[in-house]
PDB file of N, CA and C in Angstrom:
ATOM      1  N   UNK A   1     -93.124 -45.892  61.963  1.00  0.00           N
ATOM      2  CA  UNK A   1     -92.563 -47.152  62.412  1.00  0.00           C
ATOM      3  C   UNK A   1     -91.769 -46.963  63.701  1.00  0.00           C
ATOM      4  N   UNK A   2     -91.085 -45.815  63.813  1.00  0.00           N
ATOM      5  CA  UNK A   2     -90.303 -45.560  65.022  1.00  0.00           C
ATOM      6  C   UNK A   2     -91.187 -45.471  66.256  1.00  0.00           C
ATOM      7  N   UNK A   3     -92.397 -44.931  66.097  1.00  0.00           N
ATOM      8  CA  UNK A   3     -93.309 -44.840  67.236  1.00  0.00           C
ATOM      9  C   UNK A   3     -93.674 -46.236  67.734  1.00  0.00           C
ATOM     10  N   UNK A   4     -93.878 -47.156  66.810  1.00  0.00           N
ATOM     11  CA  UNK A   4     -94.209 -48.524  67.193  1.00  0.00           C
ATOM     12  C   UNK A   4     -93.037 -49.173  67.916  1.00  0.00           C
ATOM     13  N   UNK A   5     -91.850 -49.047  67.349  1.00  0.00           N
ATOM     14  CA  UNK A   5     -90.665 -49.651  67.970  1.00  0.00           C
ATOM     15  C   UNK A   5     -90.360 -49.025  69.322  1.00  0.00           C
ATOM     16  N   UNK A   6     -90.529 -47.707  69.436  1.00  0.00           N
ATOM     17  CA  UNK A   6     -90.321 -47.052  70.729  1.00  0.00           C
ATOM     18  C   UNK A   6     -91.324 -47.560  71.761  1.00  0.00           C
ATOM     19  N   UNK A   7     -92.562 -47.760  71.334  1.00  0.00           N
ATOM     20  CA  UNK A   7     -93.576 -48.298  72.242  1.00  0.00           C
ATOM     21  C   UNK A   7     -93.226 -49.688  72.724  1.00  0.00           C
ATOM     22  N   UNK A   8     -92.707 -50.512  71.827  1.00  0.00           N
ATOM     23  CA  UNK A   8     -92.315 -51.875  72.197  1.00  0.00           C
ATOM     24  C   UNK A   8     -91.099 -51.847  73.122  1.00  0.00           C
ATOM     25  N   UNK A   9     -90.138 -50.973  72.835  1.00  0.00           N
ATOM     26  CA  UNK A   9     -88.935 -50.883  73.674  1.00  0.00           C
ATOM     27  C   UNK A   9     -89.266 -50.423  75.091  1.00  0.00           C
ATOM     28  N   UNK A  10     -90.307 -49.608  75.232  1.00  0.00           N
ATOM     29  CA  UNK A  10     -90.685 -49.084  76.549  1.00  0.00           C
ATOM     30  C   UNK A  10     -91.810 -49.918  77.165  1.00  0.00           C
ATOM     31  N   UNK A  11     -91.772 -51.218  76.933  1.00  0.00           N
ATOM     32  CA  UNK A  11     -92.878 -52.088  77.322  1.00  0.00           C
ATOM     33  C   UNK A  11     -93.136 -52.159  78.824  1.00  0.00           C
ATOM     34  N   UNK A  12     -92.157 -51.838  79.652  1.00  0.00           N
ATOM     35  CA  UNK A  12     -92.386 -51.861  81.099  1.00  0.00           C
ATOM     36  C   UNK A  12     -92.362 -50.459  81.696  1.00  0.00           C
ATOM     37  N   UNK A  13     -92.406 -49.451  80.862  1.00  0.00           N
ATOM     38  CA  UNK A  13     -92.380 -48.066  81.335  1.00  0.00           C
ATOM     39  C   UNK A  13     -93.810 -47.562  81.492  1.00  0.00           C
ATOM     40  N   UNK A  14     -94.313 -47.655  82.717  1.00  0.00           N
ATOM     41  CA  UNK A  14     -95.669 -47.202  82.996  1.00  0.00           C
ATOM     42  C   UNK A  14     -95.679 -45.800  83.595  1.00  0.00           C
ATOM     43  N   UNK A  15     -94.536 -45.145  83.597  1.00  0.00           N
ATOM     44  CA  UNK A  15     -94.462 -43.779  84.115  1.00  0.00           C
ATOM     45  C   UNK A  15     -94.295 -42.821  82.946  1.00  0.00           C
ATOM     46  N   UNK A  16     -94.542 -41.578  83.212  1.00  0.00           N
ATOM     47  CA  UNK A  16     -94.396 -40.579  82.164  1.00  0.00           C
ATOM     48  C   UNK A  16     -95.663 -40.431  81.345  1.00  0.00           C
ATOM     49  N   UNK A  17     -95.513 -39.785  80.204  1.00  0.00           N
ATOM     50  CA  UNK A  17     -96.664 -39.441  79.387  1.00  0.00           C
ATOM     51  C   UNK A  17     -96.398 -39.756  77.920  1.00  0.00           C
ATOM     52  N   UNK A  18     -97.469 -40.009  77.179  1.00  0.00           N
ATOM     53  CA  UNK A  18     -97.373 -40.266  75.739  1.00  0.00           C
ATOM     54  C   UNK A  18     -98.324 -39.320  75.013  1.00  0.00           C
ATOM     55  N   UNK A  19     -97.797 -38.611  74.045  1.00  0.00           N
ATOM     56  CA  UNK A  19     -98.625 -37.709  73.248  1.00  0.00           C
ATOM     57  C   UNK A  19     -99.578 -38.502  72.361  1.00  0.00           C
ATOM     58  N   UNK A  20    -100.578 -37.790  71.845  1.00  0.00           N
ATOM     59  CA  UNK A  20    -101.549 -38.444  70.962  1.00  0.00           C
ATOM     60  C   UNK A  20    -100.872 -39.083  69.758  1.00  0.00           C
ATOM     61  N   UNK A  21     -99.943 -38.362  69.134  1.00  0.00           N
ATOM     62  CA  UNK A  21     -99.295 -38.889  67.929  1.00  0.00           C
ATOM     63  C   UNK A  21     -98.571 -40.199  68.226  1.00  0.00           C
ATOM     64  N   UNK A  22     -97.832 -40.230  69.320  1.00  0.00           N
ATOM     65  CA  UNK A  22     -97.118 -41.456  69.702  1.00  0.00           C
ATOM     66  C   UNK A  22     -98.097 -42.611  69.893  1.00  0.00           C
ATOM     67  N   UNK A  23     -99.184 -42.338  70.591  1.00  0.00           N
ATOM     68  CA  UNK A  23    -100.186 -43.360  70.886  1.00  0.00           C
ATOM     69  C   UNK A  23    -100.857 -43.881  69.616  1.00  0.00           C
ATOM     70  N   UNK A  24    -101.342 -42.968  68.777  1.00  0.00           N
ATOM     71  CA  UNK A  24    -102.095 -43.380  67.592  1.00  0.00           C
ATOM     72  C   UNK A  24    -101.202 -43.997  66.525  1.00  0.00           C
ATOM     73  N   UNK A  25     -99.968 -43.539  66.410  1.00  0.00           N
ATOM     74  CA  UNK A  25     -99.052 -44.164  65.450  1.00  0.00           C
ATOM     75  C   UNK A  25     -98.714 -45.590  65.889  1.00  0.00           C
ATOM     76  N   UNK A  26     -98.555 -45.796  67.197  1.00  0.00           N
ATOM     77  CA  UNK A  26     -98.334 -47.152  67.710  1.00  0.00           C
ATOM     78  C   UNK A  26     -99.503 -48.044  67.299  1.00  0.00           C
ATOM     79  N   UNK A  27    -100.725 -47.563  67.521  1.00  0.00           N
ATOM     80  CA  UNK A  27    -101.892 -48.383  67.207  1.00  0.00           C
ATOM     81  C   UNK A  27    -102.100 -48.569  65.712  1.00  0.00           C
ATOM     82  N   UNK A  28    -101.695 -47.614  64.915  1.00  0.00           N
ATOM     83  CA  UNK A  28    -101.769 -47.784  63.466  1.00  0.00           C
ATOM     84  C   UNK A  28    -100.894 -48.958  63.026  1.00  0.00           C
ATOM     85  N   UNK A  29     -99.631 -48.962  63.469  1.00  0.00           N
ATOM     86  CA  UNK A  29     -98.730 -50.045  63.085  1.00  0.00           C
ATOM     87  C   UNK A  29     -99.124 -51.372  63.739  1.00  0.00           C
ATOM     88  N   UNK A  30     -99.628 -51.320  64.965  1.00  0.00           N
ATOM     89  CA  UNK A  30    -100.130 -52.529  65.622  1.00  0.00           C
ATOM     90  C   UNK A  30    -101.220 -53.163  64.760  1.00  0.00           C
ATOM     91  N   UNK A  31    -102.141 -52.333  64.283  1.00  0.00           N
ATOM     92  CA  UNK A  31    -103.252 -52.821  63.468  1.00  0.00           C
ATOM     93  C   UNK A  31    -102.776 -53.356  62.121  1.00  0.00           C
ATOM     94  N   UNK A  32    -101.866 -52.644  61.482  1.00  0.00           N
ATOM     95  CA  UNK A  32    -101.329 -53.106  60.196  1.00  0.00           C
ATOM     96  C   UNK A  32    -100.659 -54.468  60.357  1.00  0.00           C
ATOM     97  N   UNK A  33     -99.816 -54.598  61.379  1.00  0.00           N
ATOM     98  CA  UNK A  33     -99.128 -55.872  61.609  1.00  0.00           C
ATOM     99  C   UNK A  33    -100.115 -56.980  61.991  1.00  0.00           C
ATOM    100  N   UNK A  34    -101.178 -56.620  62.701  1.00  0.00           N
ATOM    101  CA  UNK A  34    -102.197 -57.606  63.066  1.00  0.00           C
ATOM    102  C   UNK A  34    -102.904 -58.130  61.817  1.00  0.00           C
ATOM    103  N   UNK A  35    -103.207 -57.223  60.891  1.00  0.00           N
ATOM    104  CA  UNK A  35    -103.845 -57.631  59.637  1.00  0.00           C
ATOM    105  C   UNK A  35    -102.920 -58.553  58.843  1.00  0.00           C
ATOM    106  N   UNK A  36    -101.638 -58.211  58.786  1.00  0.00           N
ATOM    107  CA  UNK A  36    -100.658 -59.067  58.101  1.00  0.00           C
ATOM    108  C   UNK A  36    -100.596 -60.436  58.782  1.00  0.00           C
ATOM    109  N   UNK A  37    -100.588 -60.442  60.112  1.00  0.00           N
ATOM    110  CA  UNK A  37    -100.559 -61.709  60.850  1.00  0.00           C
ATOM    111  C   UNK A  37    -101.809 -62.538  60.554  1.00  0.00           C
ATOM    112  N   UNK A  38    -102.941 -61.875  60.382  1.00  0.00           N
ATOM    113  CA  UNK A  38    -104.177 -62.581  60.052  1.00  0.00           C
ATOM    114  C   UNK A  38    -104.080 -63.244  58.682  1.00  0.00           C
ATOM    115  N   UNK A  39    -103.522 -62.515  57.705  1.00  0.00           N
ATOM    116  CA  UNK A  39    -103.335 -63.103  56.376  1.00  0.00           C
ATOM    117  C   UNK A  39    -102.385 -64.303  56.432  1.00  0.00           C
ATOM    118  N   UNK A  40    -101.318 -64.170  57.187  1.00  0.00           N
ATOM    119  CA  UNK A  40    -100.364 -65.280  57.333  1.00  0.00           C
ATOM    120  C   UNK A  40    -101.047 -66.466  58.006  1.00  0.00           C
ATOM    121  N   UNK A  41    -101.844 -66.175  59.011  1.00  0.00           N
ATOM    122  CA  UNK A  41    -102.572 -67.226  59.714  1.00  0.00           C
ATOM    123  C   UNK A  41    -103.507 -67.976  58.761  1.00  0.00           C
ATOM    124  N   UNK A  42    -104.211 -67.239  57.922  1.00  0.00           N
ATOM    125  CA  UNK A  42    -105.118 -67.868  56.957  1.00  0.00           C
ATOM    126  C   UNK A  42    -104.355 -68.676  55.907  1.00  0.00           C
ATOM    127  N   UNK A  43    -103.225 -68.135  55.454  1.00  0.00           N
ATOM    128  CA  UNK A  43    -102.442 -68.809  54.408  1.00  0.00           C
ATOM    129  C   UNK A  43    -101.801 -70.098  54.913  1.00  0.00           C
ATOM    130  N   UNK A  44    -101.355 -70.089  56.159  1.00  0.00           N
ATOM    131  CA  UNK A  44    -100.663 -71.261  56.700  1.00  0.00           C
ATOM    132  C   UNK A  44    -101.600 -72.235  57.405  1.00  0.00           C
ATOM    133  N   UNK A  45    -102.774 -71.766  57.774  1.00  0.00           N
ATOM    134  CA  UNK A  45    -103.699 -72.623  58.505  1.00  0.00           C
ATOM    135  C   UNK A  45    -103.360 -72.745  59.976  1.00  0.00           C
ATOM    136  N   UNK A  46    -102.398 -71.977  60.437  1.00  0.00           N
ATOM    137  CA  UNK A  46    -102.005 -71.988  61.846  1.00  0.00           C
ATOM    138  C   UNK A  46    -102.904 -71.016  62.613  1.00  0.00           C
ATOM    139  N   UNK A  47    -103.764 -71.524  63.515  1.00  0.00           N
ATOM    140  CA  UNK A  47    -104.719 -70.649  64.193  1.00  0.00           C
ATOM    141  C   UNK A  47    -104.133 -69.843  65.363  1.00  0.00           C
ATOM    142  N   UNK A  48    -102.843 -69.949  65.591  1.00  0.00           N
ATOM    143  CA  UNK A  48    -102.272 -69.312  66.773  1.00  0.00           C
ATOM    144  C   UNK A  48    -101.429 -68.074  66.488  1.00  0.00           C
ATOM    145  N   UNK A  49    -101.235 -67.705  65.245  1.00  0.00           N
ATOM    146  CA  UNK A  49    -100.337 -66.593  64.917  1.00  0.00           C
ATOM    147  C   UNK A  49    -100.843 -65.278  65.496  1.00  0.00           C
ATOM    148  N   UNK A  50    -102.128 -64.963  65.295  1.00  0.00           N
ATOM    149  CA  UNK A  50    -102.645 -63.694  65.826  1.00  0.00           C
ATOM    150  C   UNK A  50    -102.709 -63.725  67.351  1.00  0.00           C
ATOM    151  N   UNK A  51    -102.971 -64.890  67.915  1.00  0.00           N
ATOM    152  CA  UNK A  51    -102.988 -65.011  69.373  1.00  0.00           C
ATOM    153  C   UNK A  51    -101.605 -64.729  69.950  1.00  0.00           C
ATOM    154  N   UNK A  52    -100.592 -65.317  69.362  1.00  0.00           N
ATOM    155  CA  UNK A  52     -99.215 -65.092  69.821  1.00  0.00           C
ATOM    156  C   UNK A  52     -98.831 -63.627  69.650  1.00  0.00           C
ATOM    157  N   UNK A  53     -99.202 -63.042  68.516  1.00  0.00           N
ATOM    158  CA  UNK A  53     -98.920 -61.625  68.254  1.00  0.00           C
ATOM    159  C   UNK A  53     -99.571 -60.741  69.321  1.00  0.00           C
ATOM    160  N   UNK A  54    -100.858 -60.973  69.581  1.00  0.00           N
ATOM    161  CA  UNK A  54    -101.577 -60.154  70.560  1.00  0.00           C
ATOM    162  C   UNK A  54    -100.996 -60.320  71.964  1.00  0.00           C
ATOM    163  N   UNK A  55    -100.664 -61.540  72.333  1.00  0.00           N
ATOM    164  CA  UNK A  55    -100.084 -61.773  73.659  1.00  0.00           C
ATOM    165  C   UNK A  55     -98.693 -61.155  73.785  1.00  0.00           C
ATOM    166  N   UNK A  56     -97.905 -61.236  72.716  1.00  0.00           N
ATOM    167  CA  UNK A  56     -96.551 -60.670  72.748  1.00  0.00           C
ATOM    168  C   UNK A  56     -96.586 -59.154  72.903  1.00  0.00           C
ATOM    169  N   UNK A  57     -97.612 -58.517  72.370  1.00  0.00           N
ATOM    170  CA  UNK A  57     -97.684 -57.056  72.428  1.00  0.00           C
ATOM    171  C   UNK A  57     -98.680 -56.541  73.462  1.00  0.00           C
ATOM    172  N   UNK A  58     -99.199 -57.419  74.308  1.00  0.00           N
ATOM    173  CA  UNK A  58    -100.161 -56.989  75.325  1.00  0.00           C
ATOM    174  C   UNK A  58     -99.536 -55.995  76.304  1.00  0.00           C
ATOM    175  N   UNK A  59     -98.367 -56.308  76.824  1.00  0.00           N
ATOM    176  CA  UNK A  59     -97.728 -55.421  77.800  1.00  0.00           C
ATOM    177  C   UNK A  59     -97.329 -54.075  77.194  1.00  0.00           C
ATOM    178  N   UNK A  60     -96.699 -54.030  76.020  1.00  0.00           N
ATOM    179  CA  UNK A  60     -96.406 -52.722  75.425  1.00  0.00           C
ATOM    180  C   UNK A  60     -97.670 -51.902  75.147  1.00  0.00           C
ATOM    181  N   UNK A  61     -98.747 -52.566  74.768  1.00  0.00           N
ATOM    182  CA  UNK A  61     -99.998 -51.866  74.479  1.00  0.00           C
ATOM    183  C   UNK A  61    -100.596 -51.280  75.749  1.00  0.00           C
ATOM    184  N   UNK A  62    -100.596 -52.042  76.823  1.00  0.00           N
ATOM    185  CA  UNK A  62    -101.099 -51.537  78.102  1.00  0.00           C
ATOM    186  C   UNK A  62    -100.218 -50.391  78.586  1.00  0.00           C
ATOM    187  N   UNK A  63     -98.922 -50.525  78.403  1.00  0.00           N
ATOM    188  CA  UNK A  63     -97.978 -49.493  78.833  1.00  0.00           C
ATOM    189  C   UNK A  63     -98.208 -48.170  78.105  1.00  0.00           C
ATOM    190  N   UNK A  64     -98.326 -48.202  76.788  1.00  0.00           N
ATOM    191  CA  UNK A  64     -98.498 -46.956  76.046  1.00  0.00           C
ATOM    192  C   UNK A  64     -99.877 -46.349  76.321  1.00  0.00           C
ATOM    193  N   UNK A  65    -100.886 -47.194  76.537  1.00  0.00           N
ATOM    194  CA  UNK A  65    -102.211 -46.676  76.882  1.00  0.00           C
ATOM    195  C   UNK A  65    -102.183 -46.013  78.257  1.00  0.00           C
ATOM    196  N   UNK A  66    -101.427 -46.572  79.186  1.00  0.00           N
ATOM    197  CA  UNK A  66    -101.279 -45.961  80.509  1.00  0.00           C
ATOM    198  C   UNK A  66    -100.611 -44.602  80.398  1.00  0.00           C
ATOM    199  N   UNK A  67     -99.533 -44.532  79.622  1.00  0.00           N
ATOM    200  CA  UNK A  67     -98.850 -43.243  79.449  1.00  0.00           C
ATOM    201  C   UNK A  67     -99.743 -42.228  78.744  1.00  0.00           C
ATOM    202  N   UNK A  68    -100.596 -42.683  77.832  1.00  0.00           N
ATOM    203  CA  UNK A  68    -101.527 -41.768  77.155  1.00  0.00           C
ATOM    204  C   UNK A  68    -102.537 -41.222  78.156  1.00  0.00           C
ATOM    205  N   UNK A  69    -103.045 -42.074  79.033  1.00  0.00           N
ATOM    206  CA  UNK A  69    -103.973 -41.609  80.063  1.00  0.00           C
ATOM    207  C   UNK A  69    -103.275 -40.657  81.025  1.00  0.00           C
ATOM    208  N   UNK A  70    -102.025 -40.906  81.332  1.00  0.00           N
ATOM    209  CA  UNK A  70    -101.259 -39.980  82.173  1.00  0.00           C
ATOM    210  C   UNK A  70    -101.193 -38.600  81.530  1.00  0.00           C
ATOM    211  N   UNK A  71    -101.117 -38.560  80.214  1.00  0.00           N
ATOM    212  CA  UNK A  71    -100.997 -37.290  79.505  1.00  0.00           C
ATOM    213  C   UNK A  71    -102.231 -36.416  79.682  1.00  0.00           C
ATOM    214  N   UNK A  72    -103.380 -37.032  79.934  1.00  0.00           N
ATOM    215  CA  UNK A  72    -104.589 -36.240  80.154  1.00  0.00           C
ATOM    216  C   UNK A  72    -104.950 -36.172  81.639  1.00  0.00           C
ATOM    217  N   UNK A  73    -104.013 -36.583  82.500  1.00  0.00           N
ATOM    218  CA  UNK A  73    -104.202 -36.442  83.941  1.00  0.00           C
ATOM    219  C   UNK A  73    -104.962 -37.580  84.601  1.00  0.00           C
ATOM    220  N   UNK A  74    -105.052 -38.719  83.966  1.00  0.00           N
ATOM    221  CA  UNK A  74    -105.757 -39.868  84.534  1.00  0.00           C
ATOM    222  C   UNK A  74    -104.770 -41.012  84.783  1.00  0.00           C
ATOM    223  N   UNK A  75    -105.124 -41.885  85.696  1.00  0.00           N
ATOM    224  CA  UNK A  75    -104.261 -43.026  85.982  1.00  0.00           C
ATOM    225  C   UNK A  75    -104.531 -44.145  84.982  1.00  0.00           C
ATOM    226  N   UNK A  76    -103.626 -45.091  84.940  1.00  0.00           N
ATOM    227  CA  UNK A  76    -103.780 -46.227  84.039  1.00  0.00           C
ATOM    228  C   UNK A  76    -104.946 -47.133  84.397  1.00  0.00           C
ATOM    229  N   UNK A  77    -105.426 -47.033  85.623  1.00  0.00           N
ATOM    230  CA  UNK A  77    -106.547 -47.865  86.049  1.00  0.00           C
ATOM    231  C   UNK A  77    -107.813 -47.582  85.247  1.00  0.00           C
ATOM    232  N   UNK A  78    -107.883 -46.422  84.607  1.00  0.00           N
ATOM    233  CA  UNK A  78    -109.040 -46.099  83.774  1.00  0.00           C
ATOM    234  C   UNK A  78    -109.180 -47.077  82.606  1.00  0.00           C
ATOM    235  N   UNK A  79    -108.134 -47.794  82.266  1.00  0.00           N
ATOM    236  CA  UNK A  79    -108.217 -48.784  81.187  1.00  0.00           C
ATOM    237  C   UNK A  79    -109.209 -49.898  81.506  1.00  0.00           C
ATOM    238  N   UNK A  80    -109.489 -50.079  82.780  1.00  0.00           N
ATOM    239  CA  UNK A  80    -110.444 -51.118  83.164  1.00  0.00           C
ATOM    240  C   UNK A  80    -111.851 -50.824  82.652  1.00  0.00           C
ATOM    241  N   UNK A  81    -112.095 -49.585  82.221  1.00  0.00           N
ATOM    242  CA  UNK A  81    -113.382 -49.279  81.593  1.00  0.00           C
ATOM    243  C   UNK A  81    -113.602 -50.136  80.354  1.00  0.00           C
ATOM    244  N   UNK A  82    -112.527 -50.607  79.771  1.00  0.00           N
ATOM    245  CA  UNK A  82    -112.618 -51.432  78.572  1.00  0.00           C
ATOM    246  C   UNK A  82    -113.377 -52.730  78.774  1.00  0.00           C
ATOM    247  N   UNK A  83    -113.551 -53.170  80.010  1.00  0.00           N
ATOM    248  CA  UNK A  83    -114.299 -54.407  80.253  1.00  0.00           C
ATOM    249  C   UNK A  83    -115.807 -54.175  80.194  1.00  0.00           C
ATOM    250  N   UNK A  84    -116.241 -52.918  80.200  1.00  0.00           N
ATOM    251  CA  UNK A  84    -117.662 -52.602  80.059  1.00  0.00           C
ATOM    252  C   UNK A  84    -117.981 -52.607  78.564  1.00  0.00           C
ATOM    253  N   UNK A  85    -118.852 -53.477  78.129  1.00  0.00           N
ATOM    254  CA  UNK A  85    -119.133 -53.562  76.691  1.00  0.00           C
ATOM    255  C   UNK A  85    -119.583 -52.226  76.095  1.00  0.00           C
ATOM    256  N   UNK A  86    -119.038 -51.881  74.990  1.00  0.00           N
ATOM    257  CA  UNK A  86    -119.311 -50.715  74.160  1.00  0.00           C
ATOM    258  C   UNK A  86    -119.102 -49.383  74.877  1.00  0.00           C
ATOM    259  N   UNK A  87    -119.782 -49.157  75.999  1.00  0.00           N
ATOM    260  CA  UNK A  87    -119.667 -47.881  76.703  1.00  0.00           C
ATOM    261  C   UNK A  87    -118.236 -47.626  77.154  1.00  0.00           C
ATOM    262  N   UNK A  88    -117.594 -48.626  77.723  1.00  0.00           N
ATOM    263  CA  UNK A  88    -116.217 -48.467  78.177  1.00  0.00           C
ATOM    264  C   UNK A  88    -115.282 -48.140  77.033  1.00  0.00           C
ATOM    265  N   UNK A  89    -115.473 -48.801  75.898  1.00  0.00           N
ATOM    266  CA  UNK A  89    -114.657 -48.552  74.709  1.00  0.00           C
ATOM    267  C   UNK A  89    -114.841 -47.113  74.225  1.00  0.00           C
ATOM    268  N   UNK A  90    -116.070 -46.644  74.194  1.00  0.00           N
ATOM    269  CA  UNK A  90    -116.355 -45.280  73.736  1.00  0.00           C
ATOM    270  C   UNK A  90    -115.713 -44.258  74.664  1.00  0.00           C
ATOM    271  N   UNK A  91    -115.835 -44.455  75.963  1.00  0.00           N
ATOM    272  CA  UNK A  91    -115.238 -43.528  76.934  1.00  0.00           C
ATOM    273  C   UNK A  91    -113.721 -43.504  76.782  1.00  0.00           C
ATOM    274  N   UNK A  92    -113.100 -44.658  76.616  1.00  0.00           N
ATOM    275  CA  UNK A  92    -111.646 -44.704  76.448  1.00  0.00           C
ATOM    276  C   UNK A  92    -111.210 -43.993  75.174  1.00  0.00           C
ATOM    277  N   UNK A  93    -111.938 -44.154  74.084  1.00  0.00           N
ATOM    278  CA  UNK A  93    -111.599 -43.452  72.843  1.00  0.00           C
ATOM    279  C   UNK A  93    -111.676 -41.948  73.068  1.00  0.00           C
ATOM    280  N   UNK A  94    -112.708 -41.499  73.781  1.00  0.00           N
ATOM    281  CA  UNK A  94    -112.835 -40.064  74.085  1.00  0.00           C
ATOM    282  C   UNK A  94    -111.633 -39.595  74.894  1.00  0.00           C
ATOM    283  N   UNK A  95    -111.207 -40.386  75.859  1.00  0.00           N
ATOM    284  CA  UNK A  95    -110.018 -40.031  76.648  1.00  0.00           C
ATOM    285  C   UNK A  95    -108.778 -39.964  75.763  1.00  0.00           C
ATOM    286  N   UNK A  96    -108.608 -40.964  74.909  1.00  0.00           N
ATOM    287  CA  UNK A  96    -107.391 -41.055  74.098  1.00  0.00           C
ATOM    288  C   UNK A  96    -107.258 -39.927  73.081  1.00  0.00           C
ATOM    289  N   UNK A  97    -108.368 -39.354  72.629  1.00  0.00           N
ATOM    290  CA  UNK A  97    -108.284 -38.285  71.626  1.00  0.00           C
ATOM    291  C   UNK A  97    -108.132 -36.899  72.242  1.00  0.00           C
ATOM    292  N   UNK A  98    -108.245 -36.794  73.555  1.00  0.00           N
ATOM    293  CA  UNK A  98    -108.101 -35.488  74.203  1.00  0.00           C
ATOM    294  C   UNK A  98    -106.680 -34.968  74.066  1.00  0.00           C
ATOM    295  N   UNK A  99    -106.574 -33.637  74.055  1.00  0.00           N
ATOM    296  CA  UNK A  99    -105.274 -32.987  73.951  1.00  0.00           C
ATOM    297  C   UNK A  99    -104.513 -33.116  75.271  1.00  0.00           C
ATOM    298  N   UNK A 100    -103.207 -32.953  75.202  1.00  0.00           N
ATOM    299  CA  UNK A 100    -102.354 -33.013  76.388  1.00  0.00           C
ATOM    300  C   UNK A 100    -102.761 -31.939  77.386  1.00  0.00           C
ATOM    301  N   UNK A 101    -102.688 -32.287  78.641  1.00  0.00           N
ATOM    302  CA  UNK A 101    -102.939 -31.327  79.712  1.00  0.00           C
ATOM    303  C   UNK A 101    -101.608 -30.697  80.107  1.00  0.00           C
ATOM    304  N   UNK A 102    -101.668 -29.534  80.781  1.00  0.00           N
ATOM    305  CA  UNK A 102    -100.414 -28.932  81.256  1.00  0.00           C
ATOM    306  C   UNK A 102     -99.696 -29.879  82.221  1.00  0.00           C
ATOM    307  N   UNK A 103     -98.561 -29.447  82.709  1.00  0.00           N
ATOM    308  CA  UNK A 103     -97.805 -30.271  83.658  1.00  0.00           C
ATOM    309  C   UNK A 103     -98.748 -30.832  84.717  1.00  0.00           C
ATOM    310  N   UNK A 104     -98.589 -32.112  85.019  1.00  0.00           N
ATOM    311  CA  UNK A 104     -99.403 -32.736  86.052  1.00  0.00           C
ATOM    312  C   UNK A 104     -98.528 -33.666  86.884  1.00  0.00           C
ATOM    313  N   UNK A 105     -99.151 -34.447  87.751  1.00  0.00           N
ATOM    314  CA  UNK A 105     -98.374 -35.304  88.658  1.00  0.00           C
ATOM    315  C   UNK A 105     -97.608 -36.405  87.921  1.00  0.00           C
ATOM    316  N   UNK A 106     -97.900 -36.608  86.638  1.00  0.00           N
ATOM    317  CA  UNK A 106     -97.219 -37.639  85.861  1.00  0.00           C
ATOM    318  C   UNK A 106     -96.030 -37.097  85.083  1.00  0.00           C
ATOM    319  N   UNK A 107     -95.791 -35.795  85.165  1.00  0.00           N
ATOM    320  CA  UNK A 107     -94.629 -35.216  84.503  1.00  0.00           C
ATOM    321  C   UNK A 107     -94.971 -33.987  83.689  1.00  0.00           C
ATOM    322  N   UNK A 108     -93.949 -33.418  83.064  1.00  0.00           N
ATOM    323  CA  UNK A 108     -94.177 -32.226  82.241  1.00  0.00           C
ATOM    324  C   UNK A 108     -94.912 -32.588  80.946  1.00  0.00           C
ATOM    325  N   UNK A 109     -95.551 -31.598  80.376  1.00  0.00           N
ATOM    326  CA  UNK A 109     -96.272 -31.785  79.122  1.00  0.00           C
ATOM    327  C   UNK A 109     -95.278 -32.151  78.020  1.00  0.00           C
ATOM    328  N   UNK A 110     -95.430 -33.310  77.381  1.00  0.00           N
ATOM    329  CA  UNK A 110     -94.466 -33.715  76.348  1.00  0.00           C
ATOM    330  C   UNK A 110     -94.498 -32.811  75.116  1.00  0.00           C
ATOM    331  N   UNK A 111     -95.582 -32.078  74.923  1.00  0.00           N
ATOM    332  CA  UNK A 111     -95.656 -31.142  73.805  1.00  0.00           C
ATOM    333  C   UNK A 111     -94.650 -30.014  73.971  1.00  0.00           C
ATOM    334  N   UNK A 112     -94.438 -29.621  75.206  1.00  0.00           N
ATOM    335  CA  UNK A 112     -93.567 -28.485  75.496  1.00  0.00           C
ATOM    336  C   UNK A 112     -92.134 -28.906  75.757  1.00  0.00           C
ATOM    337  N   UNK A 113     -91.907 -30.209  75.919  1.00  0.00           N
ATOM    338  CA  UNK A 113     -90.553 -30.694  76.236  1.00  0.00           C
ATOM    339  C   UNK A 113     -89.702 -30.803  74.995  1.00  0.00           C
TER     340      UNK A 113
END
């Protein structure tokens, strides 16, 4: 839960690096809360709950994904691959699961810090 809250608190921090654990734990809780929001949306009949949730967390999600890409030595612009159907998603998943690289232009390796 702390990884999710830390990700939300750092919503405008596009510098630095995010380890795999930080990134994947954020997405685990994001997904759990999204599923809960979907159930609430169905129970109340309000079609906007998941939309509001996704929009509210769009910036923190982009931010943590950028920091994750920094950790493997890539810029945040690589996220634009996501607009390519299926192939872009697969390439991004491959990037996100890679291990941290040594110190790079985005900062020291967070594993060693």
